[in-house]
């Protein structure tokens, strides 16, 4: 209601009987959408993530608070290495709305980003969010799968790939199953298909690089084994607010 009426909670409490007026049809439509289990962020077309507001569309994954765990992990690594002000290059595989890469560029003032997605619509959303948050001049977008055709020297690779096993998608909450794009959810039979693809891409890298990944609950050991098979070394894990290991960091050619 607050988003539709463009008022904050304090204003609503001060005047709970205020007339809705011309916004009544819009509010009614939003209520009907919510009754159909559509998430509020989808109705409003925006989601707050790591203290910033990001545009979301039906073509991108709705950024979740759990993904902030991945941001924390990357920034922790960069800080521990004393590289906050270095000219790092960060690639985000499957960037979607751009929430991850834009947030990292906003936090790292000299870093440059490569936002990668197979969806041109998602890349357009990423570009818009990058412009909104003042990092567009340090970000390029590339329509490709994985790292195909990416020749940049990369210091950090991040990704929140689809990791839901195909057979579990029908059992997801309706707000996820019916409104997030299937391309961003379906991780194949065991949920690990895209991790294997990313590992195969990374195998060819010749310089030291961090690999920081969001994972599904209980997937940490399996994901680490996939990357250890190409020579990467597991270094860090990060737990989300629910107590699950939600992000892992590995280094290759270290």
C-alpha atoms as a PDB file:
ATOM      1  CA  UNK A   1       0.000   0.000   0.000  1.00  0.00           C
ATOM      2  CA  UNK A   2       2.770   2.425   0.939  1.00  0.00           C
ATOM      3  CA  UNK A   3       4.579   1.825  -2.358  1.00  0.00           C
ATOM      4  CA  UNK A   4       1.477   2.376  -4.444  1.00  0.00           C
ATOM      5  CA  UNK A   5       0.479   5.524  -2.550  1.00  0.00           C
ATOM      6  CA  UNK A   6       4.103   6.717  -2.416  1.00  0.00           C
ATOM      7  CA  UNK A   7       3.990   7.429   1.314  1.00  0.00           C
ATOM      8  CA  UNK A   8       6.023   6.087   4.207  1.00  0.00           C
ATOM      9  CA  UNK A   9       4.784   4.201   7.263  1.00  0.00           C
ATOM     10  CA  UNK A  10       4.923   7.298   9.455  1.00  0.00           C
ATOM     11  CA  UNK A  11       2.620   9.238   7.109  1.00  0.00           C
ATOM     12  CA  UNK A  12       0.179   6.347   7.016  1.00  0.00           C
ATOM     13  CA  UNK A  13       0.083   6.160  10.812  1.00  0.00           C
ATOM     14  CA  UNK A  14      -0.454   9.902  11.118  1.00  0.00           C
ATOM     15  CA  UNK A  15      -3.385   9.836   8.729  1.00  0.00           C
ATOM     16  CA  UNK A  16      -4.841   6.316   8.501  1.00  0.00           C
ATOM     17  CA  UNK A  17      -8.147   7.586   7.116  1.00  0.00           C
ATOM     18  CA  UNK A  18      -6.675   9.611   4.275  1.00  0.00           C
ATOM     19  CA  UNK A  19      -8.576   9.355   0.992  1.00  0.00           C
ATOM     20  CA  UNK A  20      -6.955   7.127  -1.600  1.00  0.00           C
ATOM     21  CA  UNK A  21      -8.434   9.150  -4.427  1.00  0.00           C
ATOM     22  CA  UNK A  22      -7.199   8.637  -7.974  1.00  0.00           C
ATOM     23  CA  UNK A  23      -4.863   5.835  -6.921  1.00  0.00           C
ATOM     24  CA  UNK A  24      -7.745   3.561  -5.863  1.00  0.00           C
ATOM     25  CA  UNK A  25      -7.817   1.527  -9.117  1.00  0.00           C
ATOM     26  CA  UNK A  26      -4.043   1.095  -8.991  1.00  0.00           C
ATOM     27  CA  UNK A  27      -4.215  -0.037  -5.372  1.00  0.00           C
ATOM     28  CA  UNK A  28      -7.049  -2.453  -6.134  1.00  0.00           C
ATOM     29  CA  UNK A  29      -5.072  -3.979  -8.992  1.00  0.00           C
ATOM     30  CA  UNK A  30      -2.031  -4.363  -6.739  1.00  0.00           C
ATOM     31  CA  UNK A  31      -4.121  -6.093  -4.052  1.00  0.00           C
ATOM     32  CA  UNK A  32      -5.484  -8.549  -6.603  1.00  0.00           C
ATOM     33  CA  UNK A  33      -1.970  -9.301  -7.830  1.00  0.00           C
ATOM     34  CA  UNK A  34      -0.797  -9.880  -4.273  1.00  0.00           C
ATOM     35  CA  UNK A  35      -3.723 -12.226  -3.642  1.00  0.00           C
ATOM     36  CA  UNK A  36      -2.362 -14.205  -6.590  1.00  0.00           C
ATOM     37  CA  UNK A  37       0.926 -14.647  -4.632  1.00  0.00           C
ATOM     38  CA  UNK A  38       2.859 -12.131  -6.725  1.00  0.00           C
ATOM     39  CA  UNK A  39       5.688 -10.716  -4.579  1.00  0.00           C
ATOM     40  CA  UNK A  40       5.421  -7.066  -3.559  1.00  0.00           C
ATOM     41  CA  UNK A  41       8.733  -6.345  -5.282  1.00  0.00           C
ATOM     42  CA  UNK A  42       7.273  -7.594  -8.557  1.00  0.00           C
ATOM     43  CA  UNK A  43       4.187  -5.445  -8.155  1.00  0.00           C
ATOM     44  CA  UNK A  44       6.255  -2.346  -7.418  1.00  0.00           C
ATOM     45  CA  UNK A  45       8.939  -3.234  -9.962  1.00  0.00           C
ATOM     46  CA  UNK A  46      11.766  -2.703  -7.515  1.00  0.00           C
ATOM     47  CA  UNK A  47      13.653  -4.409  -4.717  1.00  0.00           C
ATOM     48  CA  UNK A  48      15.974  -3.049  -2.031  1.00  0.00           C
ATOM     49  CA  UNK A  49      19.291  -4.855  -2.007  1.00  0.00           C
ATOM     50  CA  UNK A  50      22.307  -4.021   0.144  1.00  0.00           C
ATOM     51  CA  UNK A  51      20.933  -0.580   0.908  1.00  0.00           C
ATOM     52  CA  UNK A  52      20.117   0.365  -2.688  1.00  0.00           C
ATOM     53  CA  UNK A  53      16.926   0.105  -4.719  1.00  0.00           C
ATOM     54  CA  UNK A  54      17.106  -1.947  -7.918  1.00  0.00           C
ATOM     55  CA  UNK A  55      14.632  -2.126 -10.751  1.00  0.00           C
ATOM     56  CA  UNK A  56      13.315  -5.638 -11.356  1.00  0.00           C
ATOM     57  CA  UNK A  57      11.302  -6.883 -14.308  1.00  0.00           C
ATOM     58  CA  UNK A  58       9.641 -10.219 -15.109  1.00  0.00           C
ATOM     59  CA  UNK A  59      12.787 -11.161 -17.047  1.00  0.00           C
ATOM     60  CA  UNK A  60      15.186 -11.118 -14.079  1.00  0.00           C
ATOM     61  CA  UNK A  61      15.536 -12.918 -10.774  1.00  0.00           C
ATOM     62  CA  UNK A  62      14.162 -10.971  -7.827  1.00  0.00           C
ATOM     63  CA  UNK A  63      17.283 -10.249  -5.678  1.00  0.00           C
ATOM     64  CA  UNK A  64      17.046 -11.935  -2.281  1.00  0.00           C
ATOM     65  CA  UNK A  65      18.515 -10.919   1.083  1.00  0.00           C
ATOM     66  CA  UNK A  66      20.463 -14.218   1.106  1.00  0.00           C
ATOM     67  CA  UNK A  67      22.478 -12.976  -1.865  1.00  0.00           C
ATOM     68  CA  UNK A  68      23.836 -10.145   0.269  1.00  0.00           C
ATOM     69  CA  UNK A  69      25.929 -12.917   1.856  1.00  0.00           C
ATOM     70  CA  UNK A  70      27.858 -13.156  -1.420  1.00  0.00           C
ATOM     71  CA  UNK A  71      28.534  -9.410  -1.385  1.00  0.00           C
ATOM     72  CA  UNK A  72      29.825  -9.643   2.186  1.00  0.00           C
ATOM     73  CA  UNK A  73      32.145 -12.492   1.215  1.00  0.00           C
ATOM     74  CA  UNK A  74      33.673 -10.663  -1.763  1.00  0.00           C
ATOM     75  CA  UNK A  75      34.206  -7.446   0.187  1.00  0.00           C
ATOM     76  CA  UNK A  76      35.733  -9.409   3.070  1.00  0.00           C
ATOM     77  CA  UNK A  77      38.259 -11.002   0.701  1.00  0.00           C
ATOM     78  CA  UNK A  78      39.122  -7.715  -0.990  1.00  0.00           C
ATOM     79  CA  UNK A  79      39.550  -6.033   2.383  1.00  0.00           C
ATOM     80  CA  UNK A  80      41.709  -8.828   3.795  1.00  0.00           C
ATOM     81  CA  UNK A  81      44.032  -8.539   0.782  1.00  0.00           C
ATOM     82  CA  UNK A  82      44.192  -4.740   1.102  1.00  0.00           C
ATOM     83  CA  UNK A  83      42.821  -4.273  -2.426  1.00  0.00           C
ATOM     84  CA  UNK A  84      39.831  -2.015  -1.798  1.00  0.00           C
ATOM     85  CA  UNK A  85      41.345   0.764  -3.900  1.00  0.00           C
ATOM     86  CA  UNK A  86      42.902  -1.447  -6.585  1.00  0.00           C
ATOM     87  CA  UNK A  87      41.741  -1.454 -10.209  1.00  0.00           C
ATOM     88  CA  UNK A  88      40.157  -4.891  -9.953  1.00  0.00           C
ATOM     89  CA  UNK A  89      38.144  -6.472 -12.756  1.00  0.00           C
ATOM     90  CA  UNK A  90      35.079  -8.386 -11.606  1.00  0.00           C
ATOM     91  CA  UNK A  91      32.915 -10.586 -13.833  1.00  0.00           C
ATOM     92  CA  UNK A  92      29.342 -11.459 -12.866  1.00  0.00           C
ATOM     93  CA  UNK A  93      28.099 -14.559 -14.677  1.00  0.00           C
ATOM     94  CA  UNK A  94      24.316 -14.501 -15.047  1.00  0.00           C
ATOM     95  CA  UNK A  95      23.995 -10.917 -13.850  1.00  0.00           C
ATOM     96  CA  UNK A  96      20.180 -10.660 -14.067  1.00  0.00           C
ATOM     97  CA  UNK A  97      19.167  -7.323 -12.553  1.00  0.00           C
ATOM     98  CA  UNK A  98      22.805  -6.427 -11.955  1.00  0.00           C
ATOM     99  CA  UNK A  99      22.293  -6.265  -8.198  1.00  0.00           C
ATOM    100  CA  UNK A 100      25.543  -8.122  -7.438  1.00  0.00           C
ATOM    101  CA  UNK A 101      27.932  -6.431  -9.861  1.00  0.00           C
ATOM    102  CA  UNK A 102      26.465  -2.943  -9.404  1.00  0.00           C
ATOM    103  CA  UNK A 103      26.667  -3.275  -5.615  1.00  0.00           C
ATOM    104  CA  UNK A 104      30.297  -4.400  -5.805  1.00  0.00           C
ATOM    105  CA  UNK A 105      31.275  -1.565  -8.149  1.00  0.00           C
ATOM    106  CA  UNK A 106      29.561   0.941  -5.873  1.00  0.00           C
ATOM    107  CA  UNK A 107      31.582  -0.412  -2.931  1.00  0.00           C
ATOM    108  CA  UNK A 108      34.908  -0.621  -4.810  1.00  0.00           C
ATOM    109  CA  UNK A 109      35.581   2.788  -6.378  1.00  0.00           C
ATOM    110  CA  UNK A 110      38.336   1.752  -8.813  1.00  0.00           C
ATOM    111  CA  UNK A 111      36.948  -1.629  -9.856  1.00  0.00           C
ATOM    112  CA  UNK A 112      35.598  -2.353 -13.340  1.00  0.00           C
ATOM    113  CA  UNK A 113      32.902  -4.890 -14.077  1.00  0.00           C
ATOM    114  CA  UNK A 114      31.852  -7.304 -16.803  1.00  0.00           C
ATOM    115  CA  UNK A 115      28.160  -8.204 -16.560  1.00  0.00           C
ATOM    116  CA  UNK A 116      27.351 -11.404 -18.437  1.00  0.00           C
ATOM    117  CA  UNK A 117      23.974 -12.905 -19.266  1.00  0.00           C
ATOM    118  CA  UNK A 118      22.350 -14.903 -22.046  1.00  0.00           C
ATOM    119  CA  UNK A 119      19.293 -12.628 -21.862  1.00  0.00           C
ATOM    120  CA  UNK A 120      19.414  -9.257 -23.661  1.00  0.00           C
ATOM    121  CA  UNK A 121      16.445  -8.141 -21.553  1.00  0.00           C
ATOM    122  CA  UNK A 122      18.381  -8.858 -18.349  1.00  0.00           C
ATOM    123  CA  UNK A 123      21.408  -6.965 -19.632  1.00  0.00           C
ATOM    124  CA  UNK A 124      19.193  -3.963 -20.337  1.00  0.00           C
ATOM    125  CA  UNK A 125      17.957  -4.025 -16.730  1.00  0.00           C
ATOM    126  CA  UNK A 126      21.554  -4.270 -15.504  1.00  0.00           C
ATOM    127  CA  UNK A 127      22.563  -1.253 -17.577  1.00  0.00           C
ATOM    128  CA  UNK A 128      19.657   0.748 -16.190  1.00  0.00           C
ATOM    129  CA  UNK A 129      20.510  -0.127 -12.604  1.00  0.00           C
ATOM    130  CA  UNK A 130      24.187   0.653 -13.221  1.00  0.00           C
ATOM    131  CA  UNK A 131      23.218   4.099 -14.490  1.00  0.00           C
ATOM    132  CA  UNK A 132      20.917   4.706 -11.531  1.00  0.00           C
ATOM    133  CA  UNK A 133      23.709   3.931  -9.085  1.00  0.00           C
ATOM    134  CA  UNK A 134      26.454   5.804 -10.907  1.00  0.00           C
ATOM    135  CA  UNK A 135      28.672   2.930 -12.045  1.00  0.00           C
ATOM    136  CA  UNK A 136      27.721   2.633 -15.727  1.00  0.00           C
ATOM    137  CA  UNK A 137      31.059   4.083 -16.845  1.00  0.00           C
ATOM    138  CA  UNK A 138      32.877   1.184 -15.146  1.00  0.00           C
ATOM    139  CA  UNK A 139      30.641  -1.627 -16.397  1.00  0.00           C
ATOM    140  CA  UNK A 140      30.359  -3.383 -19.723  1.00  0.00           C
ATOM    141  CA  UNK A 141      27.656  -5.903 -20.536  1.00  0.00           C
ATOM    142  CA  UNK A 142      28.186  -8.985 -22.664  1.00  0.00           C
ATOM    143  CA  UNK A 143      25.522 -11.293 -24.080  1.00  0.00           C
ATOM    144  CA  UNK A 144      27.062 -14.743 -23.824  1.00  0.00           C
ATOM    145  CA  UNK A 145      26.948 -17.949 -21.813  1.00  0.00           C
ATOM    146  CA  UNK A 146      29.456 -18.354 -19.026  1.00  0.00           C
ATOM    147  CA  UNK A 147      32.778 -16.795 -19.985  1.00  0.00           C
ATOM    148  CA  UNK A 148      32.553 -17.588 -23.699  1.00  0.00           C
ATOM    149  CA  UNK A 149      34.295 -14.818 -25.624  1.00  0.00           C
ATOM    150  CA  UNK A 150      35.465 -13.002 -22.475  1.00  0.00           C
ATOM    151  CA  UNK A 151      39.144 -12.124 -22.851  1.00  0.00           C
ATOM    152  CA  UNK A 152      39.536  -9.684 -19.953  1.00  0.00           C
ATOM    153  CA  UNK A 153      41.976 -10.468 -17.171  1.00  0.00           C
ATOM    154  CA  UNK A 154      39.656 -11.209 -14.273  1.00  0.00           C
ATOM    155  CA  UNK A 155      40.548 -10.765 -10.623  1.00  0.00           C
ATOM    156  CA  UNK A 156      37.209 -11.968  -9.240  1.00  0.00           C
ATOM    157  CA  UNK A 157      34.406 -14.011 -10.765  1.00  0.00           C
ATOM    158  CA  UNK A 158      31.047 -13.923  -9.016  1.00  0.00           C
ATOM    159  CA  UNK A 159      27.847 -15.737  -9.819  1.00  0.00           C
ATOM    160  CA  UNK A 160      24.461 -16.568  -8.403  1.00  0.00           C
ATOM    161  CA  UNK A 161      23.595 -19.248 -10.951  1.00  0.00           C
ATOM    162  CA  UNK A 162      20.371 -21.266 -11.105  1.00  0.00           C
ATOM    163  CA  UNK A 163      20.817 -24.043  -8.535  1.00  0.00           C
ATOM    164  CA  UNK A 164      17.371 -25.550  -7.940  1.00  0.00           C
ATOM    165  CA  UNK A 165      17.175 -29.197  -9.073  1.00  0.00           C
ATOM    166  CA  UNK A 166      14.639 -29.488 -11.876  1.00  0.00           C
ATOM    167  CA  UNK A 167      12.449 -31.907  -9.933  1.00  0.00           C
ATOM    168  CA  UNK A 168      12.127 -29.531  -6.984  1.00  0.00           C
ATOM    169  CA  UNK A 169      10.885 -26.496  -8.883  1.00  0.00           C
ATOM    170  CA  UNK A 170       7.207 -27.450  -8.738  1.00  0.00           C
ATOM    171  CA  UNK A 171       7.450 -27.533  -4.932  1.00  0.00           C
ATOM    172  CA  UNK A 172       8.821 -24.002  -4.605  1.00  0.00           C
ATOM    173  CA  UNK A 173       6.815 -21.199  -3.049  1.00  0.00           C
ATOM    174  CA  UNK A 174       4.392 -19.785  -5.616  1.00  0.00           C
ATOM    175  CA  UNK A 175       6.002 -16.360  -5.351  1.00  0.00           C
ATOM    176  CA  UNK A 176       9.224 -17.867  -6.676  1.00  0.00           C
ATOM    177  CA  UNK A 177       7.942 -20.625  -8.963  1.00  0.00           C
ATOM    178  CA  UNK A 178       5.397 -18.504 -10.809  1.00  0.00           C
ATOM    179  CA  UNK A 179       7.196 -15.161 -11.007  1.00  0.00           C
ATOM    180  CA  UNK A 180      10.956 -15.701 -11.235  1.00  0.00           C
ATOM    181  CA  UNK A 181      12.169 -16.631 -14.730  1.00  0.00           C
ATOM    182  CA  UNK A 182      12.732 -20.374 -15.072  1.00  0.00           C
ATOM    183  CA  UNK A 183      16.102 -19.641 -16.682  1.00  0.00           C
ATOM    184  CA  UNK A 184      17.252 -18.228 -13.342  1.00  0.00           C
ATOM    185  CA  UNK A 185      15.966 -21.143 -11.254  1.00  0.00           C
ATOM    186  CA  UNK A 186      16.529 -24.453 -13.044  1.00  0.00           C
ATOM    187  CA  UNK A 187      19.981 -25.859 -12.268  1.00  0.00           C
ATOM    188  CA  UNK A 188      19.461 -29.187 -13.998  1.00  0.00           C
ATOM    189  CA  UNK A 189      18.830 -32.631 -12.563  1.00  0.00           C
ATOM    190  CA  UNK A 190      21.018 -32.155  -9.476  1.00  0.00           C
ATOM    191  CA  UNK A 191      21.064 -28.359  -9.405  1.00  0.00           C
ATOM    192  CA  UNK A 192      24.774 -28.246 -10.250  1.00  0.00           C
ATOM    193  CA  UNK A 193      24.740 -28.030 -14.045  1.00  0.00           C
ATOM    194  CA  UNK A 194      25.720 -24.360 -14.306  1.00  0.00           C
ATOM    195  CA  UNK A 195      28.496 -24.711 -11.721  1.00  0.00           C
ATOM    196  CA  UNK A 196      30.054 -27.374 -13.963  1.00  0.00           C
ATOM    197  CA  UNK A 197      29.784 -25.059 -16.964  1.00  0.00           C
ATOM    198  CA  UNK A 198      31.432 -22.208 -15.054  1.00  0.00           C
ATOM    199  CA  UNK A 199      34.206 -24.528 -13.886  1.00  0.00           C
ATOM    200  CA  UNK A 200      34.899 -25.619 -17.454  1.00  0.00           C
ATOM    201  CA  UNK A 201      35.139 -21.960 -18.495  1.00  0.00           C
ATOM    202  CA  UNK A 202      37.481 -21.094 -15.647  1.00  0.00           C
ATOM    203  CA  UNK A 203      39.771 -24.052 -16.334  1.00  0.00           C
ATOM    204  CA  UNK A 204      41.433 -22.077 -19.141  1.00  0.00           C
ATOM    205  CA  UNK A 205      42.343 -19.053 -17.007  1.00  0.00           C
ATOM    206  CA  UNK A 206      46.081 -18.579 -16.613  1.00  0.00           C
ATOM    207  CA  UNK A 207      46.275 -15.980 -13.829  1.00  0.00           C
ATOM    208  CA  UNK A 208      45.239 -16.095 -10.163  1.00  0.00           C
ATOM    209  CA  UNK A 209      41.537 -15.440  -9.750  1.00  0.00           C
ATOM    210  CA  UNK A 210      38.956 -15.607  -6.970  1.00  0.00           C
ATOM    211  CA  UNK A 211      35.733 -17.513  -7.656  1.00  0.00           C
ATOM    212  CA  UNK A 212      32.867 -16.468  -5.365  1.00  0.00           C
ATOM    213  CA  UNK A 213      29.549 -18.254  -5.717  1.00  0.00           C
ATOM    214  CA  UNK A 214      26.118 -18.321  -4.186  1.00  0.00           C
ATOM    215  CA  UNK A 215      24.929 -21.874  -3.598  1.00  0.00           C
ATOM    216  CA  UNK A 216      21.801 -23.671  -2.489  1.00  0.00           C
ATOM    217  CA  UNK A 217      21.467 -25.016   1.046  1.00  0.00           C
ATOM    218  CA  UNK A 218      23.572 -28.144   1.461  1.00  0.00           C
ATOM    219  CA  UNK A 219      25.413 -27.776  -1.862  1.00  0.00           C
ATOM    220  CA  UNK A 220      28.720 -26.456  -0.511  1.00  0.00           C
ATOM    221  CA  UNK A 221      30.703 -29.705  -0.556  1.00  0.00           C
ATOM    222  CA  UNK A 222      29.522 -30.699  -4.034  1.00  0.00           C
ATOM    223  CA  UNK A 223      30.190 -27.257  -5.514  1.00  0.00           C
ATOM    224  CA  UNK A 224      33.657 -27.081  -3.971  1.00  0.00           C
ATOM    225  CA  UNK A 225      34.495 -30.520  -5.379  1.00  0.00           C
ATOM    226  CA  UNK A 226      33.507 -29.366  -8.877  1.00  0.00           C
ATOM    227  CA  UNK A 227      35.979 -26.485  -8.723  1.00  0.00           C
ATOM    228  CA  UNK A 228      38.687 -28.406  -6.882  1.00  0.00           C
ATOM    229  CA  UNK A 229      38.663 -30.818  -9.833  1.00  0.00           C
ATOM    230  CA  UNK A 230      39.972 -27.991 -12.059  1.00  0.00           C
ATOM    231  CA  UNK A 231      42.678 -27.003  -9.585  1.00  0.00           C
ATOM    232  CA  UNK A 232      40.875 -24.398  -7.498  1.00  0.00           C
ATOM    233  CA  UNK A 233      41.374 -24.317  -3.740  1.00  0.00           C
ATOM    234  CA  UNK A 234      38.423 -23.758  -1.408  1.00  0.00           C
ATOM    235  CA  UNK A 235      39.213 -20.878   0.952  1.00  0.00           C
ATOM    236  CA  UNK A 236      36.070 -19.427   2.529  1.00  0.00           C
ATOM    237  CA  UNK A 237      32.420 -20.139   3.293  1.00  0.00           C
ATOM    238  CA  UNK A 238      29.787 -17.673   4.396  1.00  0.00           C
ATOM    239  CA  UNK A 239      26.566 -18.427   6.333  1.00  0.00           C
ATOM    240  CA  UNK A 240      23.274 -16.639   5.651  1.00  0.00           C
ATOM    241  CA  UNK A 241      20.745 -15.429   8.214  1.00  0.00           C
ATOM    242  CA  UNK A 242      19.020 -18.813   8.145  1.00  0.00           C
ATOM    243  CA  UNK A 243      22.193 -20.602   9.220  1.00  0.00           C
ATOM    244  CA  UNK A 244      22.888 -22.186   5.805  1.00  0.00           C
ATOM    245  CA  UNK A 245      26.215 -21.974   3.991  1.00  0.00           C
ATOM    246  CA  UNK A 246      25.115 -19.643   1.204  1.00  0.00           C
ATOM    247  CA  UNK A 247      28.356 -18.532  -0.426  1.00  0.00           C
ATOM    248  CA  UNK A 248      31.740 -20.125  -1.072  1.00  0.00           C
ATOM    249  CA  UNK A 249      35.020 -18.670  -2.282  1.00  0.00           C
ATOM    250  CA  UNK A 250      37.773 -20.556  -4.070  1.00  0.00           C
ATOM    251  CA  UNK A 251      41.001 -19.436  -5.676  1.00  0.00           C
ATOM    252  CA  UNK A 252      42.564 -20.820  -8.833  1.00  0.00           C
ATOM    253  CA  UNK A 253      46.235 -20.554  -9.833  1.00  0.00           C
ATOM    254  CA  UNK A 254      46.966 -19.260  -6.329  1.00  0.00           C
END
